[in-house]
């Protein structure tokens, strides 16, 4: 008989909580500067304090949460300098990911991107900020997965994670009624095999909105 290690249930609870909180933060479900209590997180997710502490520790290490000297845990309120730094990282990483994806951009991928873009138009019409951020990131991730560069994609996702609450604040300033124009340019460049055009469209798309926050 194989005995189950006592740590396994706690580890599984920690992993589930970590993924859940990470997704919430990345998709802007929590606004900037919102304080989180360990007890409140544990109660909301039905887990004990041990997995909460571990999940929060990991998210603080990733920059998704901040921990003050007094022990206060909250979502980050990014300075202009920090926003500019993260935007610069997106402008470096994501055009490179798209360039690496281009040779593998088959018709099924382009069809999928067009379908996601149509969904973005719908959630904009519904004025659903969280769904907008989620589907926008899905659009980018779907393309970048074709790059077959997992380390680079993981770095991009860490940047998305740190920007999640800030992107939620940005949503109200965009005033969009349709899917982002640069997404259509990205799709057109993929169809044409136009690498410079694809890089430009991606770079513009991932930095344009953030400029509104630091302008």
N, C-alpha and C. Protein backbone atom coordinates (compact mmCIF):
# COMPACT_ATOMS: atom_id res chain seq x y z
N UNK A 1 0.85 -1.19 0.00
CA UNK A 1 0.00 0.00 0.00
C UNK A 1 0.89 1.25 0.00
N UNK A 2 0.56 2.21 -0.88
CA UNK A 2 1.30 3.47 -0.96
C UNK A 2 0.61 4.51 -0.10
N UNK A 3 1.35 5.07 0.84
CA UNK A 3 0.78 6.09 1.71
C UNK A 3 0.87 7.45 1.05
N UNK A 4 -0.23 8.21 1.10
CA UNK A 4 -0.24 9.56 0.55
C UNK A 4 0.45 10.50 1.50
N UNK A 5 1.34 11.34 0.98
CA UNK A 5 2.04 12.28 1.83
C UNK A 5 1.08 13.34 2.35
N UNK A 6 1.19 13.71 3.62
CA UNK A 6 0.27 14.70 4.19
C UNK A 6 0.32 16.05 3.48
N UNK A 7 1.47 16.36 2.85
CA UNK A 7 1.61 17.68 2.24
C UNK A 7 0.86 17.79 0.91
N UNK A 8 0.45 16.70 0.31
CA UNK A 8 -0.15 16.76 -1.01
C UNK A 8 -1.45 17.55 -1.07
N UNK A 9 -2.39 17.34 -0.12
CA UNK A 9 -3.62 18.14 -0.18
C UNK A 9 -3.35 19.64 -0.06
N UNK A 10 -2.41 20.02 0.83
CA UNK A 10 -2.07 21.43 1.00
C UNK A 10 -1.43 21.99 -0.27
N UNK A 11 -0.55 21.19 -0.86
CA UNK A 11 0.10 21.62 -2.09
C UNK A 11 -0.90 21.83 -3.20
N UNK A 12 -1.85 20.89 -3.34
CA UNK A 12 -2.88 21.01 -4.37
C UNK A 12 -3.74 22.24 -4.14
N UNK A 13 -4.09 22.50 -2.87
CA UNK A 13 -4.90 23.67 -2.54
C UNK A 13 -4.13 24.95 -2.86
N UNK A 14 -2.85 24.94 -2.56
CA UNK A 14 -2.02 26.12 -2.86
C UNK A 14 -1.96 26.37 -4.36
N UNK A 15 -1.75 25.32 -5.15
CA UNK A 15 -1.65 25.49 -6.60
C UNK A 15 -2.95 26.03 -7.18
N UNK A 16 -4.07 25.49 -6.72
CA UNK A 16 -5.37 25.96 -7.22
C UNK A 16 -5.59 27.42 -6.86
N UNK A 17 -5.29 27.77 -5.62
CA UNK A 17 -5.48 29.15 -5.17
C UNK A 17 -4.54 30.09 -5.93
N UNK A 18 -3.30 29.69 -6.09
CA UNK A 18 -2.34 30.51 -6.82
C UNK A 18 -2.82 30.79 -8.24
N UNK A 19 -3.25 29.75 -8.94
CA UNK A 19 -3.71 29.93 -10.31
C UNK A 19 -4.95 30.81 -10.37
N UNK A 20 -5.86 30.63 -9.41
CA UNK A 20 -7.09 31.42 -9.39
C UNK A 20 -6.79 32.89 -9.14
N UNK A 21 -5.98 33.20 -8.13
CA UNK A 21 -5.63 34.59 -7.84
C UNK A 21 -4.84 35.20 -8.99
N UNK A 22 -3.94 34.43 -9.55
CA UNK A 22 -3.11 34.92 -10.66
C UNK A 22 -3.99 35.32 -11.84
N UNK A 23 -4.98 34.50 -12.14
CA UNK A 23 -5.89 34.79 -13.25
C UNK A 23 -6.72 36.03 -12.95
N UNK A 24 -7.22 36.14 -11.72
CA UNK A 24 -8.01 37.31 -11.34
C UNK A 24 -7.21 38.60 -11.50
N UNK A 25 -5.97 38.57 -11.05
CA UNK A 25 -5.13 39.77 -11.12
C UNK A 25 -4.79 40.09 -12.56
N UNK A 26 -4.39 39.09 -13.35
CA UNK A 26 -4.00 39.32 -14.74
C UNK A 26 -5.16 39.88 -15.56
N UNK A 27 -6.37 39.45 -15.27
CA UNK A 27 -7.53 39.89 -16.03
C UNK A 27 -8.17 41.14 -15.47
N UNK A 28 -7.54 41.75 -14.48
CA UNK A 28 -8.05 43.01 -13.96
C UNK A 28 -9.30 42.89 -13.12
N UNK A 29 -9.54 41.73 -12.53
CA UNK A 29 -10.72 41.57 -11.68
C UNK A 29 -10.56 42.31 -10.36
N UNK A 30 -9.32 42.65 -10.03
CA UNK A 30 -9.04 43.40 -8.81
C UNK A 30 -8.37 44.71 -9.21
N UNK A 31 -8.90 45.83 -8.75
CA UNK A 31 -8.39 47.14 -9.11
C UNK A 31 -7.06 47.43 -8.40
N UNK A 32 -6.30 48.41 -8.88
CA UNK A 32 -5.03 48.77 -8.23
C UNK A 32 -5.25 49.27 -6.81
N UNK A 33 -4.32 48.91 -5.91
CA UNK A 33 -4.35 49.42 -4.55
C UNK A 33 -5.35 48.77 -3.64
N UNK A 34 -5.95 47.67 -4.07
CA UNK A 34 -6.93 46.98 -3.23
C UNK A 34 -6.20 46.06 -2.25
N UNK A 35 -6.51 46.21 -0.95
CA UNK A 35 -5.86 45.40 0.08
C UNK A 35 -6.51 44.03 0.15
N UNK A 36 -5.69 43.02 0.33
CA UNK A 36 -6.16 41.65 0.50
C UNK A 36 -5.71 41.14 1.86
N UNK A 37 -6.62 40.58 2.62
CA UNK A 37 -6.25 39.96 3.88
C UNK A 37 -6.13 38.45 3.66
N UNK A 38 -5.18 37.85 4.34
CA UNK A 38 -5.00 36.40 4.19
C UNK A 38 -6.26 35.66 4.64
N UNK A 39 -6.85 36.13 5.71
CA UNK A 39 -8.06 35.48 6.20
C UNK A 39 -9.20 35.62 5.19
N UNK A 40 -9.32 36.82 4.60
CA UNK A 40 -10.38 37.03 3.63
C UNK A 40 -10.20 36.19 2.39
N UNK A 41 -8.96 36.07 1.90
CA UNK A 41 -8.68 35.23 0.73
C UNK A 41 -8.99 33.78 1.04
N UNK A 42 -8.57 33.31 2.22
CA UNK A 42 -8.83 31.93 2.60
C UNK A 42 -10.31 31.63 2.70
N UNK A 43 -11.08 32.56 3.27
CA UNK A 43 -12.52 32.36 3.40
C UNK A 43 -13.20 32.35 2.04
N UNK A 44 -12.77 33.26 1.15
CA UNK A 44 -13.39 33.35 -0.17
C UNK A 44 -13.15 32.10 -1.00
N UNK A 45 -12.00 31.46 -0.79
CA UNK A 45 -11.64 30.31 -1.60
C UNK A 45 -11.77 28.98 -0.85
N UNK A 46 -12.18 29.05 0.39
CA UNK A 46 -12.40 27.83 1.16
C UNK A 46 -11.15 27.03 1.45
N UNK A 47 -10.05 27.73 1.75
CA UNK A 47 -8.80 27.04 2.05
C UNK A 47 -8.22 27.57 3.36
N UNK A 48 -7.27 26.81 3.91
CA UNK A 48 -6.65 27.21 5.16
C UNK A 48 -5.59 28.28 4.93
N UNK A 49 -5.01 28.76 6.01
CA UNK A 49 -4.05 29.86 5.91
C UNK A 49 -2.74 29.45 5.24
N UNK A 50 -2.36 28.19 5.38
CA UNK A 50 -1.07 27.77 4.81
C UNK A 50 -1.01 27.94 3.30
N UNK A 51 -1.99 27.41 2.53
CA UNK A 51 -1.94 27.64 1.08
C UNK A 51 -2.11 29.11 0.70
N UNK A 52 -2.84 29.88 1.50
CA UNK A 52 -3.00 31.31 1.22
C UNK A 52 -1.65 32.00 1.33
N UNK A 53 -0.93 31.73 2.40
CA UNK A 53 0.39 32.36 2.59
C UNK A 53 1.32 32.02 1.44
N UNK A 54 1.33 30.76 1.02
CA UNK A 54 2.24 30.34 -0.04
C UNK A 54 1.86 30.97 -1.38
N UNK A 55 0.56 31.01 -1.68
CA UNK A 55 0.11 31.61 -2.94
C UNK A 55 0.44 33.10 -2.97
N UNK A 56 0.19 33.79 -1.87
CA UNK A 56 0.48 35.22 -1.80
C UNK A 56 1.99 35.46 -1.92
N UNK A 57 2.79 34.61 -1.26
CA UNK A 57 4.25 34.75 -1.36
C UNK A 57 4.71 34.66 -2.81
N UNK A 58 4.18 33.71 -3.56
CA UNK A 58 4.56 33.56 -4.97
C UNK A 58 4.13 34.77 -5.80
N UNK A 59 2.94 35.28 -5.53
CA UNK A 59 2.44 36.41 -6.31
C UNK A 59 3.19 37.70 -5.97
N UNK A 60 3.62 37.84 -4.74
CA UNK A 60 4.46 38.98 -4.37
C UNK A 60 5.79 38.89 -5.11
N UNK A 61 6.35 37.68 -5.18
CA UNK A 61 7.63 37.48 -5.87
C UNK A 61 7.52 37.81 -7.36
N UNK A 62 6.34 37.59 -7.94
CA UNK A 62 6.12 37.87 -9.37
C UNK A 62 5.75 39.32 -9.64
N UNK A 63 5.55 40.10 -8.58
CA UNK A 63 5.16 41.49 -8.76
C UNK A 63 3.68 41.70 -8.97
N UNK A 64 2.89 40.63 -8.80
CA UNK A 64 1.44 40.73 -8.97
C UNK A 64 0.78 41.34 -7.74
N UNK A 65 1.42 41.20 -6.58
CA UNK A 65 0.96 41.79 -5.33
C UNK A 65 2.14 42.50 -4.69
N UNK A 66 1.83 43.47 -3.85
CA UNK A 66 2.88 44.17 -3.11
C UNK A 66 2.71 43.87 -1.62
N UNK A 67 3.82 43.82 -0.92
CA UNK A 67 3.82 43.58 0.52
C UNK A 67 4.55 44.74 1.18
N UNK A 68 3.81 45.51 2.00
CA UNK A 68 4.41 46.68 2.65
C UNK A 68 5.20 46.25 3.87
N UNK A 69 5.97 47.18 4.41
CA UNK A 69 6.77 46.89 5.61
C UNK A 69 5.88 46.55 6.80
N UNK A 70 4.64 47.01 6.77
CA UNK A 70 3.70 46.71 7.86
C UNK A 70 2.97 45.39 7.65
N UNK A 71 3.24 44.74 6.52
CA UNK A 71 2.60 43.45 6.25
C UNK A 71 1.32 43.56 5.43
N UNK A 72 1.00 44.74 4.93
CA UNK A 72 -0.21 44.92 4.13
C UNK A 72 0.03 44.37 2.73
N UNK A 73 -0.88 43.51 2.28
CA UNK A 73 -0.82 42.93 0.95
C UNK A 73 -1.86 43.62 0.07
N UNK A 74 -1.45 44.07 -1.11
CA UNK A 74 -2.39 44.74 -2.00
C UNK A 74 -1.96 44.56 -3.44
N UNK A 75 -2.88 44.88 -4.35
CA UNK A 75 -2.52 44.93 -5.76
C UNK A 75 -1.71 46.20 -6.00
N UNK A 76 -0.77 46.17 -6.93
CA UNK A 76 0.13 47.31 -7.09
C UNK A 76 -0.53 48.54 -7.71
N UNK A 77 -0.12 49.70 -7.23
CA UNK A 77 -0.44 50.97 -7.87
C UNK A 77 0.84 51.43 -8.55
N UNK A 78 0.91 51.29 -9.86
CA UNK A 78 2.15 51.49 -10.59
C UNK A 78 2.43 52.97 -10.83
N UNK A 79 3.68 53.36 -10.64
CA UNK A 79 4.11 54.71 -10.98
C UNK A 79 4.21 54.84 -12.50
N UNK A 80 4.27 56.07 -12.99
CA UNK A 80 4.46 56.29 -14.42
C UNK A 80 5.73 55.61 -14.93
N UNK A 81 6.79 55.69 -14.11
CA UNK A 81 8.06 55.07 -14.51
C UNK A 81 7.92 53.56 -14.63
N UNK A 82 7.19 52.96 -13.72
CA UNK A 82 7.00 51.51 -13.77
C UNK A 82 6.15 51.10 -14.97
N UNK A 83 5.11 51.89 -15.26
CA UNK A 83 4.28 51.60 -16.42
C UNK A 83 5.11 51.69 -17.69
N UNK A 84 5.94 52.72 -17.78
CA UNK A 84 6.80 52.88 -18.96
C UNK A 84 7.77 51.71 -19.10
N UNK A 85 8.30 51.25 -17.98
CA UNK A 85 9.23 50.11 -18.01
C UNK A 85 8.53 48.85 -18.50
N UNK A 86 7.33 48.58 -17.99
CA UNK A 86 6.60 47.38 -18.39
C UNK A 86 6.14 47.48 -19.85
N UNK A 87 5.76 48.69 -20.28
CA UNK A 87 5.40 48.88 -21.68
C UNK A 87 6.60 48.62 -22.58
N UNK A 88 7.78 49.06 -22.15
CA UNK A 88 8.99 48.82 -22.93
C UNK A 88 9.29 47.33 -23.03
N UNK A 89 9.04 46.59 -21.96
CA UNK A 89 9.24 45.15 -21.99
C UNK A 89 8.28 44.49 -22.98
N UNK A 90 7.03 44.93 -22.96
CA UNK A 90 6.08 44.38 -23.93
C UNK A 90 6.54 44.69 -25.36
N UNK A 91 7.04 45.91 -25.57
CA UNK A 91 7.47 46.31 -26.91
C UNK A 91 8.68 45.51 -27.38
N UNK A 92 9.46 44.97 -26.45
CA UNK A 92 10.60 44.14 -26.82
C UNK A 92 10.20 42.68 -27.03
N UNK A 93 9.43 42.16 -26.08
CA UNK A 93 9.12 40.73 -26.09
C UNK A 93 8.09 40.33 -27.14
N UNK A 94 7.02 41.11 -27.24
CA UNK A 94 5.88 40.64 -28.03
C UNK A 94 6.09 40.73 -29.55
N UNK A 95 6.75 41.77 -30.07
CA UNK A 95 7.06 41.72 -31.50
C UNK A 95 7.97 40.53 -31.85
N UNK A 96 8.90 40.20 -30.94
CA UNK A 96 9.77 39.05 -31.20
C UNK A 96 8.97 37.75 -31.19
N UNK A 97 8.06 37.62 -30.26
CA UNK A 97 7.20 36.43 -30.23
C UNK A 97 6.37 36.32 -31.50
N UNK A 98 5.82 37.45 -31.94
CA UNK A 98 5.00 37.41 -33.16
C UNK A 98 5.84 37.06 -34.38
N UNK A 99 7.07 37.56 -34.42
CA UNK A 99 7.97 37.26 -35.53
C UNK A 99 8.28 35.77 -35.58
N UNK A 100 8.51 35.17 -34.43
CA UNK A 100 8.80 33.74 -34.37
C UNK A 100 7.57 32.91 -34.70
N UNK A 101 6.38 33.47 -34.44
CA UNK A 101 5.14 32.75 -34.74
C UNK A 101 4.79 32.80 -36.22
N UNK A 102 5.26 33.83 -36.92
CA UNK A 102 4.85 34.06 -38.31
C UNK A 102 5.05 32.85 -39.22
N UNK A 103 6.18 32.16 -39.20
CA UNK A 103 6.33 31.02 -40.11
C UNK A 103 5.35 29.87 -39.84
N UNK A 104 4.74 29.87 -38.67
CA UNK A 104 3.80 28.81 -38.29
C UNK A 104 2.36 29.31 -38.27
N UNK A 105 2.12 30.45 -38.88
CA UNK A 105 0.79 31.07 -38.86
C UNK A 105 -0.08 30.46 -39.96
N UNK A 106 -0.61 29.28 -39.71
CA UNK A 106 -1.45 28.61 -40.69
C UNK A 106 -2.85 29.23 -40.71
N UNK A 107 -3.66 28.82 -41.67
CA UNK A 107 -4.99 29.41 -41.84
C UNK A 107 -5.88 29.20 -40.63
N UNK A 108 -5.75 28.06 -39.97
CA UNK A 108 -6.59 27.80 -38.80
C UNK A 108 -6.28 28.79 -37.68
N UNK A 109 -5.01 29.15 -37.53
CA UNK A 109 -4.63 30.14 -36.52
C UNK A 109 -5.24 31.49 -36.85
N UNK A 110 -5.15 31.90 -38.10
CA UNK A 110 -5.71 33.19 -38.51
C UNK A 110 -7.22 33.21 -38.31
N UNK A 111 -7.89 32.11 -38.64
CA UNK A 111 -9.33 32.01 -38.39
C UNK A 111 -9.65 32.16 -36.91
N UNK A 112 -8.81 31.53 -36.07
CA UNK A 112 -9.03 31.62 -34.62
C UNK A 112 -8.83 33.05 -34.13
N UNK A 113 -7.83 33.73 -34.62
CA UNK A 113 -7.59 35.12 -34.22
C UNK A 113 -8.74 36.02 -34.65
N UNK A 114 -9.27 35.79 -35.82
CA UNK A 114 -10.41 36.59 -36.29
C UNK A 114 -11.64 36.32 -35.41
N UNK A 115 -11.82 35.08 -34.97
CA UNK A 115 -12.95 34.76 -34.10
C UNK A 115 -12.80 35.44 -32.74
N UNK A 116 -11.59 35.43 -32.21
CA UNK A 116 -11.36 36.09 -30.92
C UNK A 116 -11.58 37.59 -31.06
N UNK A 117 -11.14 38.16 -32.18
CA UNK A 117 -11.32 39.59 -32.39
C UNK A 117 -12.80 39.95 -32.46
N UNK A 118 -13.60 39.07 -33.07
CA UNK A 118 -15.05 39.30 -33.09
C UNK A 118 -15.62 39.26 -31.69
N UNK A 119 -15.09 38.38 -30.85
CA UNK A 119 -15.54 38.30 -29.46
C UNK A 119 -15.16 39.57 -28.69
N UNK A 120 -13.99 40.13 -28.99
CA UNK A 120 -13.58 41.37 -28.35
C UNK A 120 -14.58 42.48 -28.66
N UNK A 121 -15.03 42.56 -29.90
CA UNK A 121 -16.03 43.56 -30.28
C UNK A 121 -17.29 43.40 -29.44
N UNK A 122 -17.68 42.16 -29.20
CA UNK A 122 -18.90 41.90 -28.41
C UNK A 122 -18.73 42.36 -26.97
N UNK A 123 -17.60 42.03 -26.34
CA UNK A 123 -17.45 42.39 -24.93
C UNK A 123 -17.27 43.90 -24.76
N UNK A 124 -16.73 44.56 -25.79
CA UNK A 124 -16.67 46.03 -25.74
C UNK A 124 -18.08 46.60 -25.76
N UNK A 125 -18.94 46.04 -26.63
CA UNK A 125 -20.33 46.49 -26.69
C UNK A 125 -21.05 46.25 -25.36
N UNK A 126 -20.67 45.16 -24.68
CA UNK A 126 -21.27 44.84 -23.38
C UNK A 126 -20.66 45.65 -22.24
N UNK A 127 -19.61 46.44 -22.54
CA UNK A 127 -18.90 47.24 -21.55
C UNK A 127 -18.38 46.38 -20.39
N UNK A 128 -17.85 45.22 -20.75
CA UNK A 128 -17.34 44.26 -19.77
C UNK A 128 -15.81 44.36 -19.76
N UNK A 129 -15.29 45.11 -18.80
CA UNK A 129 -13.85 45.38 -18.76
C UNK A 129 -13.03 44.12 -18.56
N UNK A 130 -13.44 43.27 -17.63
CA UNK A 130 -12.68 42.05 -17.34
C UNK A 130 -12.67 41.12 -18.55
N UNK A 131 -13.82 40.97 -19.19
CA UNK A 131 -13.88 40.12 -20.38
C UNK A 131 -13.05 40.70 -21.51
N UNK A 132 -12.99 42.03 -21.59
CA UNK A 132 -12.16 42.66 -22.62
C UNK A 132 -10.69 42.32 -22.40
N UNK A 133 -10.22 42.48 -21.17
CA UNK A 133 -8.82 42.17 -20.88
C UNK A 133 -8.53 40.69 -21.13
N UNK A 134 -9.45 39.83 -20.70
CA UNK A 134 -9.26 38.39 -20.88
C UNK A 134 -9.17 38.01 -22.35
N UNK A 135 -10.10 38.51 -23.17
CA UNK A 135 -10.10 38.13 -24.58
C UNK A 135 -8.96 38.80 -25.34
N UNK A 136 -8.58 40.00 -24.93
CA UNK A 136 -7.44 40.66 -25.55
C UNK A 136 -6.16 39.86 -25.32
N UNK A 137 -5.96 39.40 -24.09
CA UNK A 137 -4.78 38.59 -23.80
C UNK A 137 -4.87 37.23 -24.51
N UNK A 138 -6.07 36.70 -24.62
CA UNK A 138 -6.23 35.44 -25.35
C UNK A 138 -5.81 35.60 -26.81
N UNK A 139 -6.14 36.73 -27.41
CA UNK A 139 -5.73 37.01 -28.79
C UNK A 139 -4.21 36.96 -28.91
N UNK A 140 -3.53 37.66 -28.02
CA UNK A 140 -2.07 37.70 -28.07
C UNK A 140 -1.46 36.34 -27.76
N UNK A 141 -1.97 35.68 -26.71
CA UNK A 141 -1.40 34.39 -26.32
C UNK A 141 -1.59 33.35 -27.43
N UNK A 142 -2.73 33.36 -28.09
CA UNK A 142 -2.99 32.41 -29.17
C UNK A 142 -1.95 32.54 -30.27
N UNK A 143 -1.60 33.78 -30.61
CA UNK A 143 -0.56 33.99 -31.61
C UNK A 143 0.81 33.58 -31.09
N UNK A 144 1.13 34.00 -29.87
CA UNK A 144 2.49 33.79 -29.36
C UNK A 144 2.79 32.32 -29.08
N UNK A 145 1.77 31.53 -28.80
CA UNK A 145 2.00 30.10 -28.60
C UNK A 145 2.64 29.45 -29.83
N UNK A 146 2.35 30.01 -31.01
CA UNK A 146 2.91 29.46 -32.24
C UNK A 146 4.41 29.76 -32.36
N UNK A 147 4.91 30.66 -31.52
CA UNK A 147 6.34 30.97 -31.56
C UNK A 147 7.19 29.82 -31.03
N UNK A 148 6.57 28.96 -30.23
CA UNK A 148 7.28 27.85 -29.60
C UNK A 148 8.51 28.36 -28.83
N UNK A 149 8.27 29.40 -28.05
CA UNK A 149 9.32 30.02 -27.22
C UNK A 149 8.76 30.17 -25.81
N UNK A 150 8.67 29.06 -25.07
CA UNK A 150 7.96 29.10 -23.78
C UNK A 150 8.58 30.02 -22.74
N UNK A 151 9.92 30.13 -22.72
CA UNK A 151 10.55 31.02 -21.74
C UNK A 151 10.20 32.47 -22.01
N UNK A 152 10.21 32.85 -23.30
CA UNK A 152 9.87 34.21 -23.67
C UNK A 152 8.40 34.52 -23.39
N UNK A 153 7.54 33.56 -23.67
CA UNK A 153 6.11 33.75 -23.40
C UNK A 153 5.86 33.86 -21.90
N UNK A 154 6.56 33.08 -21.10
CA UNK A 154 6.41 33.17 -19.65
C UNK A 154 6.80 34.55 -19.14
N UNK A 155 7.85 35.13 -19.73
CA UNK A 155 8.24 36.49 -19.35
C UNK A 155 7.16 37.50 -19.72
N UNK A 156 6.57 37.34 -20.91
CA UNK A 156 5.50 38.24 -21.33
C UNK A 156 4.30 38.12 -20.39
N UNK A 157 3.97 36.91 -19.99
CA UNK A 157 2.82 36.71 -19.10
C UNK A 157 3.06 37.32 -17.72
N UNK A 158 4.31 37.32 -17.27
CA UNK A 158 4.63 37.97 -16.00
C UNK A 158 4.39 39.48 -16.10
N UNK A 159 4.73 40.05 -17.24
CA UNK A 159 4.45 41.48 -17.46
C UNK A 159 2.95 41.72 -17.48
N UNK A 160 2.21 40.88 -18.17
CA UNK A 160 0.74 41.02 -18.19
C UNK A 160 0.19 40.96 -16.77
N UNK A 161 0.74 40.06 -15.98
CA UNK A 161 0.27 39.88 -14.61
C UNK A 161 0.47 41.16 -13.80
N UNK A 162 1.64 41.76 -13.92
CA UNK A 162 1.91 42.98 -13.16
C UNK A 162 1.05 44.15 -13.64
N UNK A 163 0.64 44.12 -14.90
CA UNK A 163 -0.15 45.21 -15.47
C UNK A 163 -1.66 45.01 -15.31
N UNK A 164 -2.09 43.82 -14.89
CA UNK A 164 -3.52 43.51 -14.88
C UNK A 164 -4.42 44.55 -14.23
N UNK A 165 -4.20 44.89 -12.94
CA UNK A 165 -5.04 45.91 -12.31
C UNK A 165 -4.97 47.26 -13.01
N UNK A 166 -3.77 47.64 -13.49
CA UNK A 166 -3.60 48.91 -14.19
C UNK A 166 -4.39 48.91 -15.50
N UNK A 167 -4.40 47.78 -16.21
CA UNK A 167 -5.17 47.68 -17.45
C UNK A 167 -6.66 47.86 -17.17
N UNK A 168 -7.11 47.40 -16.02
CA UNK A 168 -8.51 47.61 -15.65
C UNK A 168 -8.81 49.10 -15.50
N UNK A 169 -7.89 49.83 -14.89
CA UNK A 169 -8.06 51.28 -14.76
C UNK A 169 -8.04 51.96 -16.11
N UNK A 170 -7.22 51.44 -17.01
CA UNK A 170 -7.07 52.03 -18.34
C UNK A 170 -8.32 51.84 -19.19
N UNK A 171 -9.03 50.74 -18.98
CA UNK A 171 -10.15 50.37 -19.85
C UNK A 171 -11.13 51.53 -20.06
N UNK A 172 -11.48 52.22 -18.98
CA UNK A 172 -12.46 53.29 -19.08
C UNK A 172 -12.01 54.47 -19.91
N UNK A 173 -10.70 54.60 -20.13
CA UNK A 173 -10.17 55.73 -20.89
C UNK A 173 -10.07 55.44 -22.39
N UNK A 174 -10.21 54.17 -22.76
CA UNK A 174 -9.99 53.82 -24.16
C UNK A 174 -11.11 54.30 -25.08
N UNK A 175 -12.35 54.27 -24.59
CA UNK A 175 -13.48 54.75 -25.38
C UNK A 175 -13.69 53.96 -26.66
N UNK A 176 -13.40 52.67 -26.63
CA UNK A 176 -13.52 51.86 -27.84
C UNK A 176 -14.94 51.39 -28.06
N UNK A 177 -15.30 51.27 -29.33
CA UNK A 177 -16.59 50.68 -29.71
C UNK A 177 -16.39 49.49 -30.63
N UNK A 178 -15.14 49.19 -30.96
CA UNK A 178 -14.83 48.08 -31.85
C UNK A 178 -13.50 47.47 -31.40
N UNK A 179 -13.19 46.30 -31.97
CA UNK A 179 -11.94 45.64 -31.64
C UNK A 179 -10.76 46.54 -32.01
N UNK A 180 -9.63 46.41 -31.30
CA UNK A 180 -8.48 47.27 -31.57
C UNK A 180 -8.05 47.21 -33.04
N UNK A 181 -7.83 48.40 -33.62
CA UNK A 181 -7.43 48.49 -35.03
C UNK A 181 -6.14 47.71 -35.30
N UNK A 182 -5.22 47.74 -34.34
CA UNK A 182 -3.95 47.06 -34.55
C UNK A 182 -4.09 45.55 -34.62
N UNK A 183 -5.13 45.00 -34.02
CA UNK A 183 -5.37 43.57 -34.17
C UNK A 183 -5.67 43.23 -35.63
N UNK A 184 -6.44 44.08 -36.28
CA UNK A 184 -6.74 43.84 -37.69
C UNK A 184 -5.48 43.97 -38.54
N UNK A 185 -4.62 44.91 -38.17
CA UNK A 185 -3.34 45.04 -38.89
C UNK A 185 -2.46 43.82 -38.67
N UNK A 186 -2.49 43.28 -37.46
CA UNK A 186 -1.72 42.07 -37.17
C UNK A 186 -2.20 40.90 -38.02
N UNK A 187 -3.51 40.74 -38.12
CA UNK A 187 -4.07 39.65 -38.91
C UNK A 187 -3.72 39.83 -40.38
N UNK A 188 -3.83 41.06 -40.87
CA UNK A 188 -3.49 41.32 -42.28
C UNK A 188 -2.02 41.01 -42.55
N UNK A 189 -1.13 41.36 -41.61
CA UNK A 189 0.29 41.09 -41.78
C UNK A 189 0.57 39.59 -41.76
N UNK A 190 -0.14 38.86 -40.91
CA UNK A 190 0.01 37.40 -40.89
C UNK A 190 -0.39 36.78 -42.22
N UNK A 191 -1.50 37.26 -42.76
CA UNK A 191 -1.97 36.74 -44.04
C UNK A 191 -0.96 37.02 -45.15
N UNK A 192 -0.33 38.19 -45.08
CA UNK A 192 0.60 38.61 -46.14
C UNK A 192 2.02 38.11 -45.90
N UNK A 193 2.28 37.53 -44.73
CA UNK A 193 3.64 37.14 -44.40
C UNK A 193 4.56 38.33 -44.23
N UNK A 194 4.00 39.43 -43.76
CA UNK A 194 4.72 40.71 -43.65
C UNK A 194 5.30 40.85 -42.24
N UNK A 195 6.55 40.44 -42.06
CA UNK A 195 7.15 40.48 -40.72
C UNK A 195 7.32 41.91 -40.20
N UNK A 196 7.87 42.86 -40.97
CA UNK A 196 7.98 44.23 -40.44
C UNK A 196 6.63 44.83 -40.07
N UNK A 197 5.62 44.58 -40.91
CA UNK A 197 4.28 45.09 -40.61
C UNK A 197 3.70 44.46 -39.36
N UNK A 198 3.97 43.17 -39.17
CA UNK A 198 3.48 42.47 -37.98
C UNK A 198 4.15 43.02 -36.72
N UNK A 199 5.45 43.19 -36.77
CA UNK A 199 6.17 43.73 -35.62
C UNK A 199 5.67 45.12 -35.25
N UNK A 200 5.45 45.96 -36.25
CA UNK A 200 4.99 47.32 -36.00
C UNK A 200 3.59 47.31 -35.38
N UNK A 201 2.70 46.48 -35.93
CA UNK A 201 1.33 46.43 -35.42
C UNK A 201 1.31 45.93 -33.97
N UNK A 202 2.12 44.92 -33.66
CA UNK A 202 2.17 44.40 -32.29
C UNK A 202 2.74 45.44 -31.35
N UNK A 203 3.85 46.06 -31.74
CA UNK A 203 4.49 47.06 -30.87
C UNK A 203 3.54 48.22 -30.59
N UNK A 204 2.84 48.68 -31.60
CA UNK A 204 1.90 49.78 -31.42
C UNK A 204 0.75 49.36 -30.52
N UNK A 205 0.24 48.15 -30.74
CA UNK A 205 -0.91 47.67 -29.98
C UNK A 205 -0.61 47.56 -28.49
N UNK A 206 0.58 47.06 -28.15
CA UNK A 206 0.86 46.78 -26.74
C UNK A 206 1.33 48.01 -25.98
N UNK A 207 1.64 49.10 -26.67
CA UNK A 207 2.12 50.29 -25.97
C UNK A 207 1.17 51.48 -26.08
N UNK A 208 0.32 51.50 -27.09
CA UNK A 208 -0.52 52.68 -27.36
C UNK A 208 -1.41 53.03 -26.19
N UNK A 209 -2.13 52.04 -25.66
CA UNK A 209 -3.05 52.32 -24.57
C UNK A 209 -2.35 52.77 -23.30
N UNK A 210 -1.22 52.13 -23.00
CA UNK A 210 -0.50 52.47 -21.78
C UNK A 210 -0.01 53.92 -21.77
N UNK A 211 0.20 54.47 -22.96
CA UNK A 211 0.64 55.87 -23.02
C UNK A 211 -0.40 56.83 -22.43
N UNK A 212 -1.66 56.42 -22.47
CA UNK A 212 -2.71 57.27 -21.90
C UNK A 212 -2.54 57.44 -20.40
N UNK A 213 -1.91 56.47 -19.76
CA UNK A 213 -1.76 56.52 -18.31
C UNK A 213 -0.58 57.39 -17.87
N UNK A 214 0.36 57.58 -18.77
CA UNK A 214 1.55 58.35 -18.40
C UNK A 214 1.65 59.68 -19.12
N UNK A 215 0.65 59.95 -19.97
CA UNK A 215 0.68 61.19 -20.74
C UNK A 215 0.32 62.40 -19.91
